[in-house]
Amino acid sequence: MVQLYRPFLSGVYSVSAGLFRFGQGLPWREDGAGESHVFAFGNDYERVMASKVNSHRRALHEYAGEAGLTPELRAQIITFTAQTLARDSGGFISWDGFVLRNTQLGWAARLEPRWGGVEVVERCSAPLAHLVAEVHPIGALDFLGLNVPEDLAVVARNASRDWLAAVHVLSPQHWNPLDKLGRDFVAVHEPVAGSEPMNRTAPRLVEAVISRGPFVRFAWGVSMGDRLDHHPNAPADQDRGEATRFDPDGAFLRVERQTLSGFPDAGGALFTIRPFTYPLREAVGGSGYARQLAAALRSMTPAQVQYKGLSVIGADLLTWLDQQA
């Protein structure tokens, strides 16, 4: 099953680090539970992977790249990702230290962690083999990203600066991954409305991410449609257009579950982004949920409303939420 996350239950929209250690209870979860896994698999695996494969086929070079990624950090990221995929997948992905095998997608590859090489050694019959039948990974990080629902990014740091050293982001939400590549924490987050207080703490945040994790955090918004890939160059859809109109039956809560795992010996961290989309009626279908979402939306500044793509539909969305409450 897919976990239904409702980070809006705080009743306030906030742009902050919002880091929770693994195992730490999430205050907006009614059961008070925490998170302890990096990769989140669920019964939407086929849908998410189909979307990622479509993005990969359309223009991989617009979604993935590297900038100053050291062999040491690459090796730790690839090995950790392979090991953790095997642990979190529930058994359909395995890793023996050399070959990563996926019995749902029906393929296996031998990975070379330090230099990022990949050799697809086997394809076999499997429930979802048709999704990747014509896909040819170009490297180890690419292959790993094509086995997991999460998008992947690597943060690096040396004695003088931090920077985004690699991206494999096939489900971006109205941003271009390559625009962030090679930039530091402040430059990456500068376009985010309301990020100024968080950016002022950038050195401490980067230190925490690399040395004190792992952490989990959440971001959320409302979209008109459940498409996962909203790269600026992807074909347009009904979300965020001047002609967009609010329809509760076509609206979705989009939540991004993000994890951060540090590798202090190699000077970097792995950042994962797992998108979830839930029909809005389902997301607010409980006592007080519509009221709390409306309160969180009303706490946004005008700049945040625009950044989240709610300028056109915001008034009608709030009217509908008030009616549900």
C-alpha atoms as a PDB file:
ATOM      1  CA  MET A   1       0.000   0.000   0.000  1.00  0.00           C
ATOM      2  CA  VAL A   2       0.974   3.639  -0.434  1.00  0.00           C
ATOM      3  CA  GLN A   3       1.323   5.657   2.752  1.00  0.00           C
ATOM      4  CA  LEU A   4      -0.905   8.744   2.767  1.00  0.00           C
ATOM      5  CA  TYR A   5       1.207  11.582   4.141  1.00  0.00           C
ATOM      6  CA  ARG A   6      -0.543  14.782   5.264  1.00  0.00           C
ATOM      7  CA  PRO A   7       2.179  17.269   6.258  1.00  0.00           C
ATOM      8  CA  PHE A   8      -0.353  20.105   5.920  1.00  0.00           C
ATOM      9  CA  LEU A   9      -1.957  18.966   9.197  1.00  0.00           C
ATOM     10  CA  SER A  10       0.292  21.422  11.027  1.00  0.00           C
ATOM     11  CA  GLY A  11      -2.080  24.080   9.659  1.00  0.00           C
ATOM     12  CA  VAL A  12       0.875  26.244   8.611  1.00  0.00           C
ATOM     13  CA  TYR A  13       2.850  26.366   5.376  1.00  0.00           C
ATOM     14  CA  SER A  14       6.519  26.754   6.207  1.00  0.00           C
ATOM     15  CA  VAL A  15       9.703  26.908   4.150  1.00  0.00           C
ATOM     16  CA  SER A  16      12.285  25.467   6.510  1.00  0.00           C
ATOM     17  CA  ALA A  17      14.722  22.599   6.718  1.00  0.00           C
ATOM     18  CA  GLY A  18      12.074  20.578   8.586  1.00  0.00           C
ATOM     19  CA  LEU A  19      14.509  17.747   9.234  1.00  0.00           C
ATOM     20  CA  PHE A  20      13.398  14.760  11.304  1.00  0.00           C
ATOM     21  CA  ARG A  21      15.865  12.087  12.329  1.00  0.00           C
ATOM     22  CA  PHE A  22      14.985   8.546  11.351  1.00  0.00           C
ATOM     23  CA  GLY A  23      12.843   7.117  14.132  1.00  0.00           C
ATOM     24  CA  GLN A  24      11.727  10.536  15.361  1.00  0.00           C
ATOM     25  CA  GLY A  25       7.952  10.909  15.503  1.00  0.00           C
ATOM     26  CA  LEU A  26       6.364  13.192  12.920  1.00  0.00           C
ATOM     27  CA  PRO A  27       4.189  15.726  14.783  1.00  0.00           C
ATOM     28  CA  TRP A  28       1.545  15.937  12.068  1.00  0.00           C
ATOM     29  CA  ARG A  29       1.025  12.164  11.879  1.00  0.00           C
ATOM     30  CA  GLU A  30      -1.975  11.076  13.895  1.00  0.00           C
ATOM     31  CA  ASP A  31      -0.212   7.900  15.029  1.00  0.00           C
ATOM     32  CA  GLY A  32       2.926   9.849  15.938  1.00  0.00           C
ATOM     33  CA  ALA A  33       5.081   7.372  14.028  1.00  0.00           C
ATOM     34  CA  GLY A  34       8.451   8.171  12.518  1.00  0.00           C
ATOM     35  CA  GLU A  35      10.253   6.993   9.391  1.00  0.00           C
ATOM     36  CA  SER A  36      13.118   4.513   9.221  1.00  0.00           C
ATOM     37  CA  HIS A  37      13.513   3.702   5.521  1.00  0.00           C
ATOM     38  CA  VAL A  38      15.256   5.528   2.698  1.00  0.00           C
ATOM     39  CA  PHE A  39      13.308   4.136  -0.244  1.00  0.00           C
ATOM     40  CA  ALA A  40       9.503   3.977  -0.211  1.00  0.00           C
ATOM     41  CA  PHE A  41       8.049   1.197  -2.352  1.00  0.00           C
ATOM     42  CA  GLY A  42       4.310   0.692  -2.727  1.00  0.00           C
ATOM     43  CA  ASN A  43       1.570  -0.484  -5.033  1.00  0.00           C
ATOM     44  CA  ASP A  44       2.188   2.549  -7.258  1.00  0.00           C
ATOM     45  CA  TYR A  45       5.600   1.186  -8.289  1.00  0.00           C
ATOM     46  CA  GLU A  46       4.525   0.403 -11.858  1.00  0.00           C
ATOM     47  CA  ARG A  47       3.010   3.858 -12.351  1.00  0.00           C
ATOM     48  CA  VAL A  48       6.027   5.710 -10.967  1.00  0.00           C
ATOM     49  CA  MET A  49       8.510   3.653 -12.947  1.00  0.00           C
ATOM     50  CA  ALA A  50       6.519   4.064 -16.164  1.00  0.00           C
ATOM     51  CA  SER A  51       6.660   7.822 -15.680  1.00  0.00           C
ATOM     52  CA  LYS A  52      10.410   7.742 -15.031  1.00  0.00           C
ATOM     53  CA  VAL A  53      11.040   5.603 -18.110  1.00  0.00           C
ATOM     54  CA  ASN A  54       9.028   8.036 -20.246  1.00  0.00           C
ATOM     55  CA  SER A  55      11.141  10.944 -18.997  1.00  0.00           C
ATOM     56  CA  HIS A  56      14.311   8.942 -19.583  1.00  0.00           C
ATOM     57  CA  ARG A  57      13.319   8.185 -23.158  1.00  0.00           C
ATOM     58  CA  ARG A  58      12.211  11.750 -23.869  1.00  0.00           C
ATOM     59  CA  ALA A  59      15.446  13.482 -22.940  1.00  0.00           C
ATOM     60  CA  LEU A  60      17.662  11.992 -20.225  1.00  0.00           C
ATOM     61  CA  HIS A  61      20.182  14.801 -20.691  1.00  0.00           C
ATOM     62  CA  GLU A  62      17.593  17.281 -19.364  1.00  0.00           C
ATOM     63  CA  TYR A  63      17.130  15.358 -16.106  1.00  0.00           C
ATOM     64  CA  ALA A  64      20.555  13.949 -15.191  1.00  0.00           C
ATOM     65  CA  GLY A  65      24.150  15.053 -14.950  1.00  0.00           C
ATOM     66  CA  GLU A  66      27.265  15.359 -12.800  1.00  0.00           C
ATOM     67  CA  ALA A  67      29.469  18.253 -11.702  1.00  0.00           C
ATOM     68  CA  GLY A  68      32.664  17.568  -9.789  1.00  0.00           C
ATOM     69  CA  LEU A  69      31.525  14.263  -8.288  1.00  0.00           C
ATOM     70  CA  THR A  70      34.609  12.593  -6.805  1.00  0.00           C
ATOM     71  CA  PRO A  71      35.248   8.857  -7.269  1.00  0.00           C
ATOM     72  CA  GLU A  72      35.218   8.408  -3.478  1.00  0.00           C
ATOM     73  CA  LEU A  73      31.794   9.994  -3.015  1.00  0.00           C
ATOM     74  CA  ARG A  74      30.399   8.270  -6.116  1.00  0.00           C
ATOM     75  CA  ALA A  75      31.511   4.877  -4.787  1.00  0.00           C
ATOM     76  CA  GLN A  76      29.882   5.417  -1.404  1.00  0.00           C
ATOM     77  CA  ILE A  77      26.649   6.720  -2.926  1.00  0.00           C
ATOM     78  CA  ILE A  78      26.312   3.853  -5.414  1.00  0.00           C
ATOM     79  CA  THR A  79      27.179   1.134  -2.886  1.00  0.00           C
ATOM     80  CA  PHE A  80      24.865   2.588  -0.230  1.00  0.00           C
ATOM     81  CA  THR A  81      22.024   2.980  -2.715  1.00  0.00           C
ATOM     82  CA  ALA A  82      22.349  -0.592  -3.985  1.00  0.00           C
ATOM     83  CA  GLN A  83      22.521  -2.040  -0.460  1.00  0.00           C
ATOM     84  CA  THR A  84      19.592   0.036   0.758  1.00  0.00           C
ATOM     85  CA  LEU A  85      17.441  -0.741  -2.277  1.00  0.00           C
ATOM     86  CA  ALA A  86      17.872  -4.429  -1.521  1.00  0.00           C
ATOM     87  CA  ARG A  87      16.871  -3.838   2.099  1.00  0.00           C
ATOM     88  CA  ASP A  88      13.894  -1.556   1.484  1.00  0.00           C
ATOM     89  CA  SER A  89      12.396  -3.329  -1.548  1.00  0.00           C
ATOM     90  CA  GLY A  90      11.040  -6.249   0.424  1.00  0.00           C
ATOM     91  CA  GLY A  91      13.081  -8.759  -1.533  1.00  0.00           C
ATOM     92  CA  PHE A  92      12.452  -8.133  -5.227  1.00  0.00           C
ATOM     93  CA  ILE A  93      15.714  -6.194  -5.552  1.00  0.00           C
ATOM     94  CA  SER A  94      18.956  -7.902  -4.515  1.00  0.00           C
ATOM     95  CA  TRP A  95      22.606  -6.828  -4.377  1.00  0.00           C
ATOM     96  CA  ASP A  96      25.559  -9.164  -3.937  1.00  0.00           C
ATOM     97  CA  GLY A  97      28.226  -6.477  -3.944  1.00  0.00           C
ATOM     98  CA  PHE A  98      28.615  -6.611  -7.707  1.00  0.00           C
ATOM     99  CA  VAL A  99      25.268  -7.211  -9.424  1.00  0.00           C
ATOM    100  CA  LEU A 100      21.970  -5.499  -8.721  1.00  0.00           C
ATOM    101  CA  ARG A 101      18.987  -7.623  -9.746  1.00  0.00           C
ATOM    102  CA  ASN A 102      15.320  -6.561  -9.983  1.00  0.00           C
ATOM    103  CA  THR A 103      12.821  -9.425 -10.395  1.00  0.00           C
ATOM    104  CA  GLN A 104       9.912  -7.025 -11.024  1.00  0.00           C
ATOM    105  CA  LEU A 105      11.590  -5.212 -13.919  1.00  0.00           C
ATOM    106  CA  GLY A 106      13.375  -8.349 -15.102  1.00  0.00           C
ATOM    107  CA  TRP A 107      16.879  -7.033 -15.429  1.00  0.00           C
ATOM    108  CA  ALA A 108      20.225  -7.145 -13.668  1.00  0.00           C
ATOM    109  CA  ALA A 109      23.411  -5.140 -14.021  1.00  0.00           C
ATOM    110  CA  ARG A 110      26.951  -5.319 -12.776  1.00  0.00           C
ATOM    111  CA  LEU A 111      27.943  -1.947 -11.295  1.00  0.00           C
ATOM    112  CA  GLU A 112      31.362  -0.369 -10.925  1.00  0.00           C
ATOM    113  CA  PRO A 113      30.848   2.047  -7.996  1.00  0.00           C
ATOM    114  CA  ARG A 114      34.042   4.118  -8.114  1.00  0.00           C
ATOM    115  CA  TRP A 115      33.833   5.139 -11.771  1.00  0.00           C
ATOM    116  CA  GLY A 116      30.108   4.727 -12.208  1.00  0.00           C
ATOM    117  CA  GLY A 117      30.199   2.044 -14.876  1.00  0.00           C
ATOM    118  CA  VAL A 118      27.342  -0.319 -15.669  1.00  0.00           C
ATOM    119  CA  GLU A 119      26.984  -3.505 -17.670  1.00  0.00           C
ATOM    120  CA  VAL A 120      23.503  -4.894 -18.153  1.00  0.00           C
ATOM    121  CA  VAL A 121      24.166  -8.594 -17.965  1.00  0.00           C
ATOM    122  CA  GLU A 122      20.706 -10.095 -18.046  1.00  0.00           C
ATOM    123  CA  ARG A 123      17.111  -9.469 -19.054  1.00  0.00           C
ATOM    124  CA  CYS A 124      14.412 -11.974 -18.264  1.00  0.00           C
ATOM    125  CA  SER A 125      10.657 -12.382 -18.160  1.00  0.00           C
ATOM    126  CA  ALA A 126       9.105 -10.388 -15.302  1.00  0.00           C
ATOM    127  CA  PRO A 127       5.818  -8.623 -14.463  1.00  0.00           C
ATOM    128  CA  LEU A 128       7.133  -5.190 -15.428  1.00  0.00           C
ATOM    129  CA  ALA A 129       9.846  -6.126 -17.901  1.00  0.00           C
ATOM    130  CA  HIS A 130       7.978  -4.365 -20.695  1.00  0.00           C
ATOM    131  CA  LEU A 131       8.648  -1.004 -19.028  1.00  0.00           C
ATOM    132  CA  VAL A 132      12.426  -1.226 -19.492  1.00  0.00           C
ATOM    133  CA  ALA A 133      12.607  -3.494 -22.549  1.00  0.00           C
ATOM    134  CA  GLU A 134      13.998  -0.696 -24.744  1.00  0.00           C
ATOM    135  CA  VAL A 135      15.888   1.186 -22.019  1.00  0.00           C
ATOM    136  CA  HIS A 136      19.688   1.221 -21.980  1.00  0.00           C
ATOM    137  CA  PRO A 137      21.210   2.752 -18.815  1.00  0.00           C
ATOM    138  CA  ILE A 138      24.270   4.905 -19.388  1.00  0.00           C
ATOM    139  CA  GLY A 139      25.867   4.462 -15.965  1.00  0.00           C
ATOM    140  CA  ALA A 140      25.518   3.008 -12.490  1.00  0.00           C
ATOM    141  CA  LEU A 141      23.629   5.974 -11.065  1.00  0.00           C
ATOM    142  CA  ASP A 142      21.287   5.941 -14.058  1.00  0.00           C
ATOM    143  CA  PHE A 143      20.599   2.235 -13.585  1.00  0.00           C
ATOM    144  CA  LEU A 144      19.913   2.666  -9.873  1.00  0.00           C
ATOM    145  CA  GLY A 145      17.575   5.573 -10.576  1.00  0.00           C
ATOM    146  CA  LEU A 146      15.635   3.358 -12.986  1.00  0.00           C
ATOM    147  CA  ASN A 147      14.935   0.790 -10.274  1.00  0.00           C
ATOM    148  CA  VAL A 148      13.616   3.012  -7.528  1.00  0.00           C
ATOM    149  CA  PRO A 149      10.624   5.383  -7.226  1.00  0.00           C
ATOM    150  CA  GLU A 150      12.853   8.074  -5.762  1.00  0.00           C
ATOM    151  CA  ASP A 151      14.769  10.695  -7.682  1.00  0.00           C
ATOM    152  CA  LEU A 152      18.406  10.990  -6.644  1.00  0.00           C
ATOM    153  CA  ALA A 153      20.723  13.929  -6.020  1.00  0.00           C
ATOM    154  CA  VAL A 154      24.194  14.127  -4.512  1.00  0.00           C
ATOM    155  CA  VAL A 155      25.443  17.025  -2.392  1.00  0.00           C
ATOM    156  CA  ALA A 156      29.222  17.454  -2.128  1.00  0.00           C
ATOM    157  CA  ARG A 157      31.397  19.638   0.081  1.00  0.00           C
ATOM    158  CA  ASN A 158      35.086  20.438   0.325  1.00  0.00           C
ATOM    159  CA  ALA A 159      37.070  22.878   2.469  1.00  0.00           C
ATOM    160  CA  SER A 160      35.832  25.937   0.584  1.00  0.00           C
ATOM    161  CA  ARG A 161      32.278  25.271  -0.596  1.00  0.00           C
ATOM    162  CA  ASP A 162      29.327  22.928  -1.078  1.00  0.00           C
ATOM    163  CA  TRP A 163      27.626  22.126  -4.374  1.00  0.00           C
ATOM    164  CA  LEU A 164      25.124  19.846  -6.074  1.00  0.00           C
ATOM    165  CA  ALA A 165      27.420  17.240  -7.619  1.00  0.00           C
ATOM    166  CA  ALA A 166      24.938  14.927  -9.362  1.00  0.00           C
ATOM    167  CA  VAL A 167      21.263  14.772 -10.268  1.00  0.00           C
ATOM    168  CA  HIS A 168      19.051  12.001 -11.570  1.00  0.00           C
ATOM    169  CA  VAL A 169      15.657  13.671 -11.230  1.00  0.00           C
ATOM    170  CA  LEU A 170      13.033  12.262 -13.589  1.00  0.00           C
ATOM    171  CA  SER A 171       9.974  13.601 -11.703  1.00  0.00           C
ATOM    172  CA  PRO A 172      10.731  17.307 -11.117  1.00  0.00           C
ATOM    173  CA  GLN A 173       7.894  19.555  -9.984  1.00  0.00           C
ATOM    174  CA  HIS A 174       8.170  22.598 -12.261  1.00  0.00           C
ATOM    175  CA  TRP A 175      11.941  23.007 -12.040  1.00  0.00           C
ATOM    176  CA  ASN A 176      14.911  22.106 -14.202  1.00  0.00           C
ATOM    177  CA  PRO A 177      17.403  19.772 -12.467  1.00  0.00           C
ATOM    178  CA  LEU A 178      20.292  20.943 -14.634  1.00  0.00           C
ATOM    179  CA  ASP A 179      19.741  24.551 -13.501  1.00  0.00           C
ATOM    180  CA  LYS A 180      20.767  23.408  -9.996  1.00  0.00           C
ATOM    181  CA  LEU A 181      23.764  21.293 -10.973  1.00  0.00           C
ATOM    182  CA  GLY A 182      27.077  22.631  -9.646  1.00  0.00           C
ATOM    183  CA  ARG A 183      25.402  25.312  -7.505  1.00  0.00           C
ATOM    184  CA  ASP A 184      25.666  25.702  -3.742  1.00  0.00           C
ATOM    185  CA  PHE A 185      22.854  25.287  -1.209  1.00  0.00           C
ATOM    186  CA  VAL A 186      21.834  28.950  -1.258  1.00  0.00           C
ATOM    187  CA  ALA A 187      21.758  29.197  -5.053  1.00  0.00           C
ATOM    188  CA  VAL A 188      19.774  25.943  -5.333  1.00  0.00           C
ATOM    189  CA  HIS A 189      17.092  27.179  -2.918  1.00  0.00           C
ATOM    190  CA  GLU A 190      17.090  30.885  -3.771  1.00  0.00           C
ATOM    191  CA  PRO A 191      14.113  30.605  -6.182  1.00  0.00           C
ATOM    192  CA  VAL A 192      11.962  29.069  -3.423  1.00  0.00           C
ATOM    193  CA  ALA A 193       9.670  31.778  -2.044  1.00  0.00           C
ATOM    194  CA  GLY A 194      10.299  32.264   1.662  1.00  0.00           C
ATOM    195  CA  SER A 195      13.626  30.414   1.731  1.00  0.00           C
ATOM    196  CA  GLU A 196      15.680  33.354   3.031  1.00  0.00           C
ATOM    197  CA  PRO A 197      15.718  32.324   6.740  1.00  0.00           C
ATOM    198  CA  MET A 198      16.667  28.754   5.810  1.00  0.00           C
ATOM    199  CA  ASN A 199      19.407  29.945   3.459  1.00  0.00           C
ATOM    200  CA  ARG A 200      20.967  32.030   6.231  1.00  0.00           C
ATOM    201  CA  THR A 201      21.667  28.793   8.089  1.00  0.00           C
ATOM    202  CA  ALA A 202      23.094  27.021   5.017  1.00  0.00           C
ATOM    203  CA  PRO A 203      26.541  26.103   6.444  1.00  0.00           C
ATOM    204  CA  ARG A 204      24.986  24.525   9.544  1.00  0.00           C
ATOM    205  CA  LEU A 205      22.372  22.696   7.497  1.00  0.00           C
ATOM    206  CA  VAL A 206      24.918  21.221   5.102  1.00  0.00           C
ATOM    207  CA  GLU A 207      27.064  20.136   8.051  1.00  0.00           C
ATOM    208  CA  ALA A 208      24.063  18.470   9.703  1.00  0.00           C
ATOM    209  CA  VAL A 209      23.038  16.687   6.512  1.00  0.00           C
ATOM    210  CA  ILE A 210      26.514  15.257   5.957  1.00  0.00           C
ATOM    211  CA  SER A 211      27.480  14.448   9.547  1.00  0.00           C
ATOM    212  CA  ARG A 212      24.355  13.939  11.658  1.00  0.00           C
ATOM    213  CA  GLY A 213      21.733  12.108   9.614  1.00  0.00           C
ATOM    214  CA  PRO A 214      19.938  10.268   8.247  1.00  0.00           C
ATOM    215  CA  PHE A 215      16.984  12.644   8.074  1.00  0.00           C
ATOM    216  CA  VAL A 216      13.571  12.774   6.424  1.00  0.00           C
ATOM    217  CA  ARG A 217      11.583  15.858   5.429  1.00  0.00           C
ATOM    218  CA  PHE A 218       8.427  16.602   3.444  1.00  0.00           C
ATOM    219  CA  ALA A 219       7.259  19.179   0.906  1.00  0.00           C
ATOM    220  CA  TRP A 220       3.717  19.511  -0.404  1.00  0.00           C
ATOM    221  CA  GLY A 221       1.386  21.373  -2.741  1.00  0.00           C
ATOM    222  CA  VAL A 222      -1.851  21.054  -4.696  1.00  0.00           C
ATOM    223  CA  SER A 223      -1.798  20.174  -8.399  1.00  0.00           C
ATOM    224  CA  MET A 224      -4.437  19.973 -11.102  1.00  0.00           C
ATOM    225  CA  GLY A 225      -3.495  16.513 -12.284  1.00  0.00           C
ATOM    226  CA  ASP A 226      -1.378  13.643 -11.024  1.00  0.00           C
ATOM    227  CA  ARG A 227       1.414  13.652 -13.582  1.00  0.00           C
ATOM    228  CA  LEU A 228       4.781  13.200 -11.910  1.00  0.00           C
ATOM    229  CA  ASP A 229       7.123  14.811 -14.441  1.00  0.00           C
ATOM    230  CA  HIS A 230       6.729  18.581 -14.662  1.00  0.00           C
ATOM    231  CA  HIS A 231      10.073  19.456 -16.203  1.00  0.00           C
ATOM    232  CA  PRO A 232       9.780  22.895 -17.853  1.00  0.00           C
ATOM    233  CA  ASN A 233      10.517  21.277 -21.225  1.00  0.00           C
ATOM    234  CA  ALA A 234       8.047  18.408 -20.839  1.00  0.00           C
ATOM    235  CA  PRO A 235       4.777  18.575 -22.771  1.00  0.00           C
ATOM    236  CA  ALA A 236       2.306  20.948 -21.142  1.00  0.00           C
ATOM    237  CA  ASP A 237      -0.675  19.642 -19.217  1.00  0.00           C
ATOM    238  CA  GLN A 238      -3.548  21.127 -17.234  1.00  0.00           C
ATOM    239  CA  ASP A 239      -1.430  22.113 -14.231  1.00  0.00           C
ATOM    240  CA  ARG A 240      -0.362  25.760 -13.755  1.00  0.00           C
ATOM    241  CA  GLY A 241      -1.732  27.279 -16.905  1.00  0.00           C
ATOM    242  CA  GLU A 242      -3.632  30.531 -17.282  1.00  0.00           C
ATOM    243  CA  ALA A 243      -6.621  28.509 -18.462  1.00  0.00           C
ATOM    244  CA  THR A 244      -6.414  26.118 -15.490  1.00  0.00           C
ATOM    245  CA  ARG A 245      -9.608  25.884 -13.462  1.00  0.00           C
ATOM    246  CA  PHE A 246     -10.109  24.237 -10.108  1.00  0.00           C
ATOM    247  CA  ASP A 247     -12.035  20.982 -10.214  1.00  0.00           C
ATOM    248  CA  PRO A 248     -12.060  18.947  -6.990  1.00  0.00           C
ATOM    249  CA  ASP A 249     -12.321  15.734  -8.993  1.00  0.00           C
ATOM    250  CA  GLY A 250      -9.166  16.594 -10.947  1.00  0.00           C
ATOM    251  CA  ALA A 251      -7.154  18.029  -8.054  1.00  0.00           C
ATOM    252  CA  PHE A 252      -4.388  16.187  -6.218  1.00  0.00           C
ATOM    253  CA  LEU A 253      -2.307  16.662  -3.126  1.00  0.00           C
ATOM    254  CA  ARG A 254       1.323  16.190  -4.142  1.00  0.00           C
ATOM    255  CA  VAL A 255       3.695  15.269  -1.340  1.00  0.00           C
ATOM    256  CA  GLU A 256       7.431  14.787  -1.752  1.00  0.00           C
ATOM    257  CA  ARG A 257       9.063  12.577   0.858  1.00  0.00           C
ATOM    258  CA  GLN A 258      12.739  13.486   0.935  1.00  0.00           C
ATOM    259  CA  THR A 259      15.580  11.728   2.753  1.00  0.00           C
ATOM    260  CA  LEU A 260      19.154  12.807   3.396  1.00  0.00           C
ATOM    261  CA  SER A 261      21.925  10.314   4.176  1.00  0.00           C
ATOM    262  CA  GLY A 262      25.432  11.615   4.848  1.00  0.00           C
ATOM    263  CA  PHE A 263      28.888  10.277   4.055  1.00  0.00           C
ATOM    264  CA  PRO A 264      31.305  12.449   6.077  1.00  0.00           C
ATOM    265  CA  ASP A 265      34.390  10.464   5.071  1.00  0.00           C
ATOM    266  CA  ALA A 266      33.674  11.204   1.411  1.00  0.00           C
ATOM    267  CA  GLY A 267      32.406  14.759   1.934  1.00  0.00           C
ATOM    268  CA  GLY A 268      28.840  14.477   0.735  1.00  0.00           C
ATOM    269  CA  ALA A 269      25.293  13.200   1.081  1.00  0.00           C
ATOM    270  CA  LEU A 270      22.567  11.423  -0.873  1.00  0.00           C
ATOM    271  CA  PHE A 271      19.298  13.330  -1.237  1.00  0.00           C
ATOM    272  CA  THR A 272      16.246  11.353  -2.376  1.00  0.00           C
ATOM    273  CA  ILE A 273      12.894  12.717  -3.551  1.00  0.00           C
ATOM    274  CA  ARG A 274       9.870  10.404  -3.637  1.00  0.00           C
ATOM    275  CA  PRO A 275       6.726  11.967  -5.146  1.00  0.00           C
ATOM    276  CA  PHE A 276       3.269  10.876  -4.052  1.00  0.00           C
ATOM    277  CA  THR A 277       0.011  12.128  -5.559  1.00  0.00           C
ATOM    278  CA  TYR A 278      -3.302  11.604  -3.793  1.00  0.00           C
ATOM    279  CA  PRO A 279      -6.763  12.619  -5.032  1.00  0.00           C
ATOM    280  CA  LEU A 280      -7.626  15.758  -3.080  1.00  0.00           C
ATOM    281  CA  ARG A 281     -10.979  14.347  -1.985  1.00  0.00           C
ATOM    282  CA  GLU A 282      -9.139  11.394  -0.436  1.00  0.00           C
ATOM    283  CA  ALA A 283      -6.480  13.578   1.184  1.00  0.00           C
ATOM    284  CA  VAL A 284      -9.031  15.771   2.982  1.00  0.00           C
ATOM    285  CA  GLY A 285     -11.597  13.032   3.531  1.00  0.00           C
ATOM    286  CA  GLY A 286     -11.467  13.076   7.295  1.00  0.00           C
ATOM    287  CA  SER A 287     -12.341  15.084  10.363  1.00  0.00           C
ATOM    288  CA  GLY A 288     -10.712  18.504  10.198  1.00  0.00           C
ATOM    289  CA  TYR A 289      -8.456  17.730   7.247  1.00  0.00           C
ATOM    290  CA  ALA A 290     -10.071  20.250   4.887  1.00  0.00           C
ATOM    291  CA  ARG A 291     -10.003  22.930   7.580  1.00  0.00           C
ATOM    292  CA  GLN A 292      -6.319  22.349   8.286  1.00  0.00           C
ATOM    293  CA  LEU A 293      -5.364  22.373   4.608  1.00  0.00           C
ATOM    294  CA  ALA A 294      -7.264  25.638   4.154  1.00  0.00           C
ATOM    295  CA  ALA A 295      -5.466  27.138   7.152  1.00  0.00           C
ATOM    296  CA  ALA A 296      -2.085  26.068   5.781  1.00  0.00           C
ATOM    297  CA  LEU A 297      -2.883  27.562   2.370  1.00  0.00           C
ATOM    298  CA  ARG A 298      -4.038  30.830   3.954  1.00  0.00           C
ATOM    299  CA  SER A 299      -0.737  31.043   5.844  1.00  0.00           C
ATOM    300  CA  MET A 300       1.156  31.320   2.530  1.00  0.00           C
ATOM    301  CA  THR A 301       2.521  34.680   1.460  1.00  0.00           C
ATOM    302  CA  PRO A 302       1.503  35.995  -1.983  1.00  0.00           C
ATOM    303  CA  ALA A 303       4.953  35.036  -3.272  1.00  0.00           C
ATOM    304  CA  GLN A 304       4.525  31.495  -1.962  1.00  0.00           C
ATOM    305  CA  VAL A 305       1.082  31.206  -3.546  1.00  0.00           C
ATOM    306  CA  GLN A 306       2.613  32.141  -6.883  1.00  0.00           C
ATOM    307  CA  TYR A 307       5.617  29.844  -6.425  1.00  0.00           C
ATOM    308  CA  LYS A 308       3.360  26.874  -5.640  1.00  0.00           C
ATOM    309  CA  GLY A 309       1.291  27.526  -8.763  1.00  0.00           C
ATOM    310  CA  LEU A 310      -1.908  28.433  -6.896  1.00  0.00           C
ATOM    311  CA  SER A 311      -2.479  31.980  -8.169  1.00  0.00           C
ATOM    312  CA  VAL A 312      -5.191  30.942 -10.624  1.00  0.00           C
ATOM    313  CA  ILE A 313      -6.980  28.234  -8.652  1.00  0.00           C
ATOM    314  CA  GLY A 314      -6.323  29.393  -5.077  1.00  0.00           C
ATOM    315  CA  ALA A 315      -9.596  31.229  -4.417  1.00  0.00           C
ATOM    316  CA  ASP A 316     -11.787  28.432  -5.767  1.00  0.00           C
ATOM    317  CA  LEU A 317      -9.707  25.832  -3.925  1.00  0.00           C
ATOM    318  CA  LEU A 318     -10.202  27.641  -0.611  1.00  0.00           C
ATOM    319  CA  THR A 319     -13.921  28.047  -1.222  1.00  0.00           C
ATOM    320  CA  TRP A 320     -14.259  24.326  -1.839  1.00  0.00           C
ATOM    321  CA  LEU A 321     -12.177  23.435   1.245  1.00  0.00           C
ATOM    322  CA  ASP A 322     -14.306  25.707   3.396  1.00  0.00           C
ATOM    323  CA  GLN A 323     -17.412  23.943   2.111  1.00  0.00           C
ATOM    324  CA  GLN A 324     -15.925  20.550   2.986  1.00  0.00           C
ATOM    325  CA  ALA A 325     -14.995  21.772   6.463  1.00  0.00           C
END
